[in-house]
PDB file of N, CA and C in Angstrom:
ATOM      1  N   MET A   1       0.732  -1.149  -0.026  1.00  0.00           N
ATOM      2  CA  MET A   1       0.290   0.102   0.047  1.00  0.00           C
ATOM      3  C   MET A   1       0.992   1.236   0.000  1.00  0.00           C
ATOM      4  N   ASN A   2       0.628   2.019  -0.983  1.00  0.00           N
ATOM      5  CA  ASN A   2       1.361   3.421  -1.063  1.00  0.00           C
ATOM      6  C   ASN A   2       0.466   4.569  -0.093  1.00  0.00           C
ATOM      7  N   LYS A   3       1.437   5.200   0.199  1.00  0.00           N
ATOM      8  CA  LYS A   3       0.700   6.448   1.442  1.00  0.00           C
ATOM      9  C   LYS A   3       1.382   7.725   1.074  1.00  0.00           C
ATOM     10  N   ILE A   4       0.848   8.787   0.610  1.00  0.00           N
ATOM     11  CA  ILE A   4       1.583  10.065   0.362  1.00  0.00           C
ATOM     12  C   ILE A   4       0.882  11.019   1.399  1.00  0.00           C
ATOM     13  N   VAL A   5       1.483  12.083   1.882  1.00  0.00           N
ATOM     14  CA  VAL A   5       1.316  12.959   2.926  1.00  0.00           C
ATOM     15  C   VAL A   5       1.925  14.145   2.593  1.00  0.00           C
ATOM     16  N   ARG A   6       1.015  15.101   2.532  1.00  0.00           N
ATOM     17  CA  ARG A   6       1.597  16.355   1.956  1.00  0.00           C
ATOM     18  C   ARG A   6       1.337  17.641   3.292  1.00  0.00           C
ATOM     19  N   GLN A   7       2.045  17.974   3.969  1.00  0.00           N
ATOM     20  CA  GLN A   7       1.688  18.784   5.084  1.00  0.00           C
ATOM     21  C   GLN A   7       1.731  20.189   4.598  1.00  0.00           C
ATOM     22  N   HIS A   8       1.058  21.059   5.077  1.00  0.00           N
ATOM     23  CA  HIS A   8       0.641  22.533   4.951  1.00  0.00           C
ATOM     24  C   HIS A   8       0.721  22.746   3.333  1.00  0.00           C
ATOM     25  N   TYR A   9      -0.544  22.064   2.831  1.00  0.00           N
ATOM     26  CA  TYR A   9      -0.725  22.063   1.242  1.00  0.00           C
ATOM     27  C   TYR A   9      -1.698  23.408   1.418  1.00  0.00           C
ATOM     28  N   PRO A  10      -1.332  24.206   0.499  1.00  0.00           N
ATOM     29  CA  PRO A  10      -2.516  25.532   0.083  1.00  0.00           C
ATOM     30  C   PRO A  10      -3.474  25.089  -0.371  1.00  0.00           C
ATOM     31  N   VAL A  11      -4.516  25.608   0.220  1.00  0.00           N
ATOM     32  CA  VAL A  11      -6.088  25.274  -0.181  1.00  0.00           C
ATOM     33  C   VAL A  11      -6.256  25.733  -1.644  1.00  0.00           C
ATOM     34  N   GLU A  12      -5.596  26.759  -2.098  1.00  0.00           N
ATOM     35  CA  GLU A  12      -5.749  27.218  -3.485  1.00  0.00           C
ATOM     36  C   GLU A  12      -5.367  26.256  -4.384  1.00  0.00           C
ATOM     37  N   ASN A  13      -4.439  25.276  -4.159  1.00  0.00           N
ATOM     38  CA  ASN A  13      -3.823  24.138  -4.970  1.00  0.00           C
ATOM     39  C   ASN A  13      -4.696  22.940  -5.133  1.00  0.00           C
ATOM     40  N   LEU A  14      -5.898  22.832  -4.253  1.00  0.00           N
ATOM     41  CA  LEU A  14      -6.929  21.957  -4.135  1.00  0.00           C
ATOM     42  C   LEU A  14      -7.854  21.961  -5.274  1.00  0.00           C
ATOM     43  N   PRO A  15      -8.373  20.866  -5.897  1.00  0.00           N
ATOM     44  CA  PRO A  15      -9.481  20.771  -6.697  1.00  0.00           C
ATOM     45  C   PRO A  15     -10.761  21.536  -6.145  1.00  0.00           C
ATOM     46  N   GLU A  16     -11.371  22.106  -7.160  1.00  0.00           N
ATOM     47  CA  GLU A  16     -12.736  22.983  -7.087  1.00  0.00           C
ATOM     48  C   GLU A  16     -13.420  22.323  -5.858  1.00  0.00           C
ATOM     49  N   ASP A  17     -13.870  21.072  -6.049  1.00  0.00           N
ATOM     50  CA  ASP A  17     -14.647  20.275  -5.098  1.00  0.00           C
ATOM     51  C   ASP A  17     -14.355  20.261  -3.807  1.00  0.00           C
ATOM     52  N   LEU A  18     -12.970  20.022  -3.581  1.00  0.00           N
ATOM     53  CA  LEU A  18     -12.346  20.226  -2.167  1.00  0.00           C
ATOM     54  C   LEU A  18     -12.097  21.412  -1.524  1.00  0.00           C
ATOM     55  N   ARG A  19     -11.965  22.401  -2.497  1.00  0.00           N
ATOM     56  CA  ARG A  19     -11.753  23.897  -2.048  1.00  0.00           C
ATOM     57  C   ARG A  19     -12.884  24.247  -1.276  1.00  0.00           C
ATOM     58  N   GLU A  20     -14.276  23.739  -1.881  1.00  0.00           N
ATOM     59  CA  GLU A  20     -15.523  24.303  -1.311  1.00  0.00           C
ATOM     60  C   GLU A  20     -15.760  23.763   0.158  1.00  0.00           C
ATOM     61  N   LEU A  21     -14.996  22.695   0.583  1.00  0.00           N
ATOM     62  CA  LEU A  21     -15.023  22.302   1.904  1.00  0.00           C
ATOM     63  C   LEU A  21     -14.228  22.887   2.728  1.00  0.00           C
ATOM     64  N   VAL A  22     -13.224  23.686   2.587  1.00  0.00           N
ATOM     65  CA  VAL A  22     -12.627  24.323   3.668  1.00  0.00           C
ATOM     66  C   VAL A  22     -12.423  25.818   3.490  1.00  0.00           C
ATOM     67  N   SER A  23     -12.105  26.311   4.423  1.00  0.00           N
ATOM     68  CA  SER A  23     -12.147  27.865   4.544  1.00  0.00           C
ATOM     69  C   SER A  23     -10.793  28.249   3.610  1.00  0.00           C
ATOM     70  N   THR A  24     -10.742  29.378   3.005  1.00  0.00           N
ATOM     71  CA  THR A  24      -9.936  29.703   1.701  1.00  0.00           C
ATOM     72  C   THR A  24      -8.566  30.290   2.302  1.00  0.00           C
ATOM     73  N   SER A  25      -8.613  30.445   3.873  1.00  0.00           N
ATOM     74  CA  SER A  25      -7.438  31.110   4.244  1.00  0.00           C
ATOM     75  C   SER A  25      -6.584  30.017   4.968  1.00  0.00           C
ATOM     76  N   SER A  26      -7.236  28.772   4.986  1.00  0.00           N
ATOM     77  CA  SER A  26      -6.567  27.761   5.545  1.00  0.00           C
ATOM     78  C   SER A  26      -5.427  27.077   4.901  1.00  0.00           C
ATOM     79  N   VAL A  27      -4.661  26.307   5.740  1.00  0.00           N
ATOM     80  CA  VAL A  27      -3.699  25.496   5.074  1.00  0.00           C
ATOM     81  C   VAL A  27      -3.874  23.941   5.531  1.00  0.00           C
ATOM     82  N   THR A  28      -3.849  23.043   4.540  1.00  0.00           N
ATOM     83  CA  THR A  28      -4.553  21.547   4.923  1.00  0.00           C
ATOM     84  C   THR A  28      -3.096  20.562   4.893  1.00  0.00           C
ATOM     85  N   VAL A  29      -3.755  19.259   5.282  1.00  0.00           N
ATOM     86  CA  VAL A  29      -2.797  18.227   5.233  1.00  0.00           C
ATOM     87  C   VAL A  29      -3.534  17.278   4.419  1.00  0.00           C
ATOM     88  N   ILE A  30      -2.743  16.916   3.172  1.00  0.00           N
ATOM     89  CA  ILE A  30      -3.474  15.909   2.348  1.00  0.00           C
ATOM     90  C   ILE A  30      -2.767  14.590   2.613  1.00  0.00           C
ATOM     91  N   LEU A  31      -3.871  13.503   2.737  1.00  0.00           N
ATOM     92  CA  LEU A  31      -3.280  12.161   2.935  1.00  0.00           C
ATOM     93  C   LEU A  31      -3.939  11.478   1.792  1.00  0.00           C
ATOM     94  N   THR A  32      -2.987  10.704   0.855  1.00  0.00           N
ATOM     95  CA  THR A  32      -3.545  10.020  -0.329  1.00  0.00           C
ATOM     96  C   THR A  32      -2.870   8.426   0.168  1.00  0.00           C
ATOM     97  N   GLU A  33      -3.901   7.623   0.129  1.00  0.00           N
ATOM     98  CA  GLU A  33      -3.577   6.194   0.423  1.00  0.00           C
ATOM     99  C   GLU A  33      -4.287   5.348  -0.862  1.00  0.00           C
ATOM    100  N   GLU A  34      -3.311   4.644  -1.347  1.00  0.00           N
ATOM    101  CA  GLU A  34      -3.865   3.694  -2.412  1.00  0.00           C
ATOM    102  C   GLU A  34      -3.745   2.305  -1.759  1.00  0.00           C
ATOM    103  N   THR A  35      -5.103   1.749  -2.043  1.00  0.00           N
ATOM    104  CA  THR A  35      -5.220   0.506  -1.241  1.00  0.00           C
ATOM    105  C   THR A  35      -5.623  -0.502  -2.631  1.00  0.00           C
ATOM    106  N   TYR A  36      -5.180  -1.695  -2.138  1.00  0.00           N
ATOM    107  CA  TYR A  36      -5.039  -2.719  -3.281  1.00  0.00           C
ATOM    108  C   TYR A  36      -6.264  -3.716  -2.865  1.00  0.00           C
ATOM    109  N   SER A  37      -7.401  -4.007  -3.535  1.00  0.00           N
ATOM    110  CA  SER A  37      -8.402  -5.018  -3.358  1.00  0.00           C
ATOM    111  C   SER A  37      -8.101  -6.468  -3.757  1.00  0.00           C
ATOM    112  N   THR A  38      -7.907  -7.271  -3.062  1.00  0.00           N
ATOM    113  CA  THR A  38      -7.769  -8.560  -3.190  1.00  0.00           C
ATOM    114  C   THR A  38      -8.922  -9.335  -3.577  1.00  0.00           C
ATOM    115  N   PRO A  39      -8.666  -9.907  -4.713  1.00  0.00           N
ATOM    116  CA  PRO A  39      -9.760 -10.845  -5.115  1.00  0.00           C
ATOM    117  C   PRO A  39     -10.168 -12.042  -4.116  1.00  0.00           C
ATOM    118  N   PRO A  40     -11.336 -12.331  -4.194  1.00  0.00           N
ATOM    119  CA  PRO A  40     -11.799 -13.241  -2.970  1.00  0.00           C
ATOM    120  C   PRO A  40     -11.165 -14.753  -3.435  1.00  0.00           C
ATOM    121  N   PRO A  41     -10.968 -15.443  -2.536  1.00  0.00           N
ATOM    122  CA  PRO A  41     -10.135 -16.750  -2.686  1.00  0.00           C
ATOM    123  C   PRO A  41     -11.410 -17.780  -3.740  1.00  0.00           C
ATOM    124  N   LEU A  42     -10.498 -18.639  -4.514  1.00  0.00           N
ATOM    125  CA  LEU A  42     -11.172 -19.277  -5.458  1.00  0.00           C
ATOM    126  C   LEU A  42     -11.855 -20.537  -4.334  1.00  0.00           C
ATOM    127  N   SER A  43     -12.949 -21.121  -4.855  1.00  0.00           N
ATOM    128  CA  SER A  43     -13.575 -22.086  -4.253  1.00  0.00           C
ATOM    129  C   SER A  43     -12.776 -23.491  -4.879  1.00  0.00           C
ATOM    130  N   ARG A  44     -12.936 -24.451  -4.036  1.00  0.00           N
ATOM    131  CA  ARG A  44     -12.222 -25.674  -4.362  1.00  0.00           C
ATOM    132  C   ARG A  44     -12.683 -26.073  -6.002  1.00  0.00           C
ATOM    133  N   GLU A  45     -13.759 -25.928  -6.301  1.00  0.00           N
ATOM    134  CA  GLU A  45     -14.204 -26.361  -7.626  1.00  0.00           C
ATOM    135  C   GLU A  45     -13.704 -25.309  -8.798  1.00  0.00           C
ATOM    136  N   GLN A  46     -13.459 -24.009  -8.379  1.00  0.00           N
ATOM    137  CA  GLN A  46     -13.043 -23.032  -9.233  1.00  0.00           C
ATOM    138  C   GLN A  46     -11.388 -23.405  -9.389  1.00  0.00           C
ATOM    139  N   ALA A  47     -10.840 -23.623  -8.362  1.00  0.00           N
ATOM    140  CA  ALA A  47      -9.395 -23.919  -8.393  1.00  0.00           C
ATOM    141  C   ALA A  47      -9.098 -25.096  -9.187  1.00  0.00           C
ATOM    142  N   VAL A  48      -9.892 -26.318  -9.221  1.00  0.00           N
ATOM    143  CA  VAL A  48      -9.707 -27.680  -9.864  1.00  0.00           C
ATOM    144  C   VAL A  48      -9.938 -27.009 -11.140  1.00  0.00           C
ATOM    145  N   ALA A  49     -11.246 -26.427 -11.575  1.00  0.00           N
ATOM    146  CA  ALA A  49     -11.448 -26.147 -13.076  1.00  0.00           C
ATOM    147  C   ALA A  49     -10.250 -25.053 -13.595  1.00  0.00           C
ATOM    148  N   LEU A  50      -9.422 -24.175 -12.887  1.00  0.00           N
ATOM    149  CA  LEU A  50      -8.398 -23.659 -13.461  1.00  0.00           C
ATOM    150  C   LEU A  50      -7.351 -24.490 -13.635  1.00  0.00           C
ATOM    151  N   MET A  51      -7.118 -25.334 -12.867  1.00  0.00           N
ATOM    152  CA  MET A  51      -5.914 -26.059 -13.067  1.00  0.00           C
ATOM    153  C   MET A  51      -6.001 -27.024 -14.217  1.00  0.00           C
ATOM    154  N   LYS A  52      -7.078 -27.564 -14.407  1.00  0.00           N
ATOM    155  CA  LYS A  52      -7.588 -28.386 -15.512  1.00  0.00           C
ATOM    156  C   LYS A  52      -7.309 -27.611 -16.871  1.00  0.00           C
ATOM    157  N   GLN A  53      -8.087 -26.181 -16.986  1.00  0.00           N
ATOM    158  CA  GLN A  53      -7.924 -25.417 -17.869  1.00  0.00           C
ATOM    159  C   GLN A  53      -6.382 -25.110 -18.357  1.00  0.00           C
ATOM    160  N   MET A  54      -5.763 -24.786 -17.411  1.00  0.00           N
ATOM    161  CA  MET A  54      -4.276 -24.475 -17.434  1.00  0.00           C
ATOM    162  C   MET A  54      -3.503 -25.688 -18.280  1.00  0.00           C
ATOM    163  N   GLN A  55      -3.909 -26.970 -17.639  1.00  0.00           N
ATOM    164  CA  GLN A  55      -3.082 -28.185 -18.079  1.00  0.00           C
ATOM    165  C   GLN A  55      -3.672 -28.293 -19.782  1.00  0.00           C
ATOM    166  N   ARG A  56      -4.680 -28.191 -19.797  1.00  0.00           N
ATOM    167  CA  ARG A  56      -5.394 -28.174 -21.680  1.00  0.00           C
ATOM    168  C   ARG A  56      -4.737 -27.123 -22.334  1.00  0.00           C
ATOM    169  N   ASP A  57      -4.315 -25.883 -21.631  1.00  0.00           N
ATOM    170  CA  ASP A  57      -3.739 -24.752 -22.507  1.00  0.00           C
ATOM    171  C   ASP A  57      -2.236 -25.406 -22.738  1.00  0.00           C
ATOM    172  N   ALA A  58      -1.658 -25.745 -21.629  1.00  0.00           N
ATOM    173  CA  ALA A  58      -0.468 -26.290 -21.758  1.00  0.00           C
ATOM    174  C   ALA A  58      -0.064 -27.506 -22.988  1.00  0.00           C
ATOM    175  N   ALA A  59      -0.986 -28.270 -22.884  1.00  0.00           N
ATOM    176  CA  ALA A  59      -1.042 -29.357 -23.831  1.00  0.00           C
ATOM    177  C   ALA A  59      -1.177 -29.048 -25.336  1.00  0.00           C
ATOM    178  N   GLU A  60      -2.135 -27.911 -25.457  1.00  0.00           N
ATOM    179  CA  GLU A  60      -2.428 -27.256 -26.779  1.00  0.00           C
ATOM    180  C   GLU A  60      -0.947 -26.859 -27.164  1.00  0.00           C
ATOM    181  N   ARG A  61      -0.277 -26.169 -26.422  1.00  0.00           N
ATOM    182  CA  ARG A  61       0.915 -25.553 -26.915  1.00  0.00           C
ATOM    183  C   ARG A  61       2.121 -26.263 -26.899  1.00  0.00           C
ATOM    184  N   GLY A  62       1.880 -27.742 -26.593  1.00  0.00           N
ATOM    185  CA  GLY A  62       2.749 -28.861 -26.688  1.00  0.00           C
ATOM    186  C   GLY A  62       4.118 -28.436 -25.650  1.00  0.00           C
ATOM    187  N   GLU A  63       3.463 -28.135 -24.512  1.00  0.00           N
ATOM    188  CA  GLU A  63       4.372 -27.835 -23.279  1.00  0.00           C
ATOM    189  C   GLU A  63       4.385 -28.892 -22.146  1.00  0.00           C
ATOM    190  N   THR A  64       3.392 -30.096 -22.671  1.00  0.00           N
ATOM    191  CA  THR A  64       3.635 -31.207 -21.570  1.00  0.00           C
ATOM    192  C   THR A  64       4.388 -32.336 -21.886  1.00  0.00           C
ATOM    193  N   VAL A  65       4.732 -33.029 -20.910  1.00  0.00           N
ATOM    194  CA  VAL A  65       5.701 -34.179 -21.279  1.00  0.00           C
ATOM    195  C   VAL A  65       4.895 -35.561 -20.974  1.00  0.00           C
ATOM    196  N   THR A  66       5.250 -36.728 -21.512  1.00  0.00           N
ATOM    197  CA  THR A  66       4.689 -37.796 -21.041  1.00  0.00           C
ATOM    198  C   THR A  66       5.272 -38.458 -20.029  1.00  0.00           C
ATOM    199  N   THR A  67       4.683 -39.581 -19.456  1.00  0.00           N
ATOM    200  CA  THR A  67       5.469 -39.904 -18.051  1.00  0.00           C
ATOM    201  C   THR A  67       6.786 -40.499 -18.363  1.00  0.00           C
ATOM    202  N   GLU A  68       6.922 -41.111 -19.608  1.00  0.00           N
ATOM    203  CA  GLU A  68       8.085 -41.792 -20.065  1.00  0.00           C
ATOM    204  C   GLU A  68       9.312 -40.839 -20.273  1.00  0.00           C
ATOM    205  N   GLU A  69       8.898 -39.763 -20.773  1.00  0.00           N
ATOM    206  CA  GLU A  69       9.775 -38.690 -21.095  1.00  0.00           C
ATOM    207  C   GLU A  69      10.378 -37.989 -19.588  1.00  0.00           C
ATOM    208  N   ALA A  70       9.607 -37.903 -18.676  1.00  0.00           N
ATOM    209  CA  ALA A  70       9.759 -37.329 -17.300  1.00  0.00           C
ATOM    210  C   ALA A  70      10.704 -38.593 -16.734  1.00  0.00           C
ATOM    211  N   VAL A  71      10.371 -39.752 -16.656  1.00  0.00           N
ATOM    212  CA  VAL A  71      11.201 -40.797 -16.223  1.00  0.00           C
ATOM    213  C   VAL A  71      12.619 -40.669 -16.843  1.00  0.00           C
ATOM    214  N   ALA A  72      12.578 -40.606 -18.350  1.00  0.00           N
ATOM    215  CA  ALA A  72      14.001 -40.664 -18.941  1.00  0.00           C
ATOM    216  C   ALA A  72      14.812 -39.428 -18.490  1.00  0.00           C
ATOM    217  N   ARG A  73      14.030 -38.349 -18.239  1.00  0.00           N
ATOM    218  CA  ARG A  73      14.855 -37.032 -17.719  1.00  0.00           C
ATOM    219  C   ARG A  73      15.575 -37.187 -16.341  1.00  0.00           C
ATOM    220  N   ILE A  74      14.665 -37.766 -15.568  1.00  0.00           N
ATOM    221  CA  ILE A  74      14.997 -38.166 -14.027  1.00  0.00           C
ATOM    222  C   ILE A  74      16.272 -39.257 -14.163  1.00  0.00           C
ATOM    223  N   ARG A  75      16.039 -40.337 -15.019  1.00  0.00           N
ATOM    224  CA  ARG A  75      17.095 -41.121 -15.018  1.00  0.00           C
ATOM    225  C   ARG A  75      18.592 -40.587 -15.687  1.00  0.00           C
ATOM    226  N   ALA A  76      18.363 -39.629 -16.456  1.00  0.00           N
ATOM    227  CA  ALA A  76      19.611 -39.151 -17.235  1.00  0.00           C
ATOM    228  C   ALA A  76      20.365 -38.311 -15.963  1.00  0.00           C
ATOM    229  N   LEU A  77      19.447 -37.462 -15.346  1.00  0.00           N
ATOM    230  CA  LEU A  77      19.915 -36.620 -13.952  1.00  0.00           C
ATOM    231  C   LEU A  77      20.591 -37.278 -13.128  1.00  0.00           C
ATOM    232  N   ARG A  78      20.136 -38.755 -12.891  1.00  0.00           N
ATOM    233  CA  ARG A  78      20.673 -39.445 -11.661  1.00  0.00           C
ATOM    234  C   ARG A  78      21.632 -40.011 -12.240  1.00  0.00           C
ATOM    235  N   ASP A  79      21.867 -40.515 -13.597  1.00  0.00           N
ATOM    236  CA  ASP A  79      22.840 -41.214 -14.074  1.00  0.00           C
ATOM    237  C   ASP A  79      24.219 -40.254 -13.957  1.00  0.00           C
ATOM    238  N   GLU A  80      23.871 -38.978 -14.221  1.00  0.00           N
ATOM    239  CA  GLU A  80      25.049 -38.083 -14.290  1.00  0.00           C
ATOM    240  C   GLU A  80      25.837 -38.127 -12.859  1.00  0.00           C
ATOM    241  N   TRP A  81      25.206 -38.438 -11.908  1.00  0.00           N
ATOM    242  CA  TRP A  81      25.864 -38.431 -10.561  1.00  0.00           C
ATOM    243  C   TRP A  81      26.686 -39.911 -10.309  1.00  0.00           C
ATOM    244  N   ASP A  82      26.194 -40.876 -11.125  1.00  0.00           N
ATOM    245  CA  ASP A  82      26.938 -42.068 -11.121  1.00  0.00           C
ATOM    246  C   ASP A  82      28.251 -42.162 -11.691  1.00  0.00           C
ATOM    247  N   ASP A  83      28.364 -41.172 -12.598  1.00  0.00           N
ATOM    248  CA  ASP A  83      29.601 -41.360 -13.531  1.00  0.00           C
ATOM    249  C   ASP A  83      30.798 -40.671 -12.772  1.00  0.00           C
TER     250      ASP A  83
END
């Protein structure tokens, strides 16, 4: 969260709608905070559906590996240590 504080900010520099709320001879303190709203957590069903969709998307892009390919990679890595 970002927070900006301006002490002794001149009223004449405020936007018109804010100037109407304070006396013209006063000096103000401006506090601006940026808040981030987090989305609500996914339900179990939503999370499972999202993961399945991600898997389908990866398969369509050719980014998945078969069990045999994964086993071959692991064996190759393991065998590097045996040499």
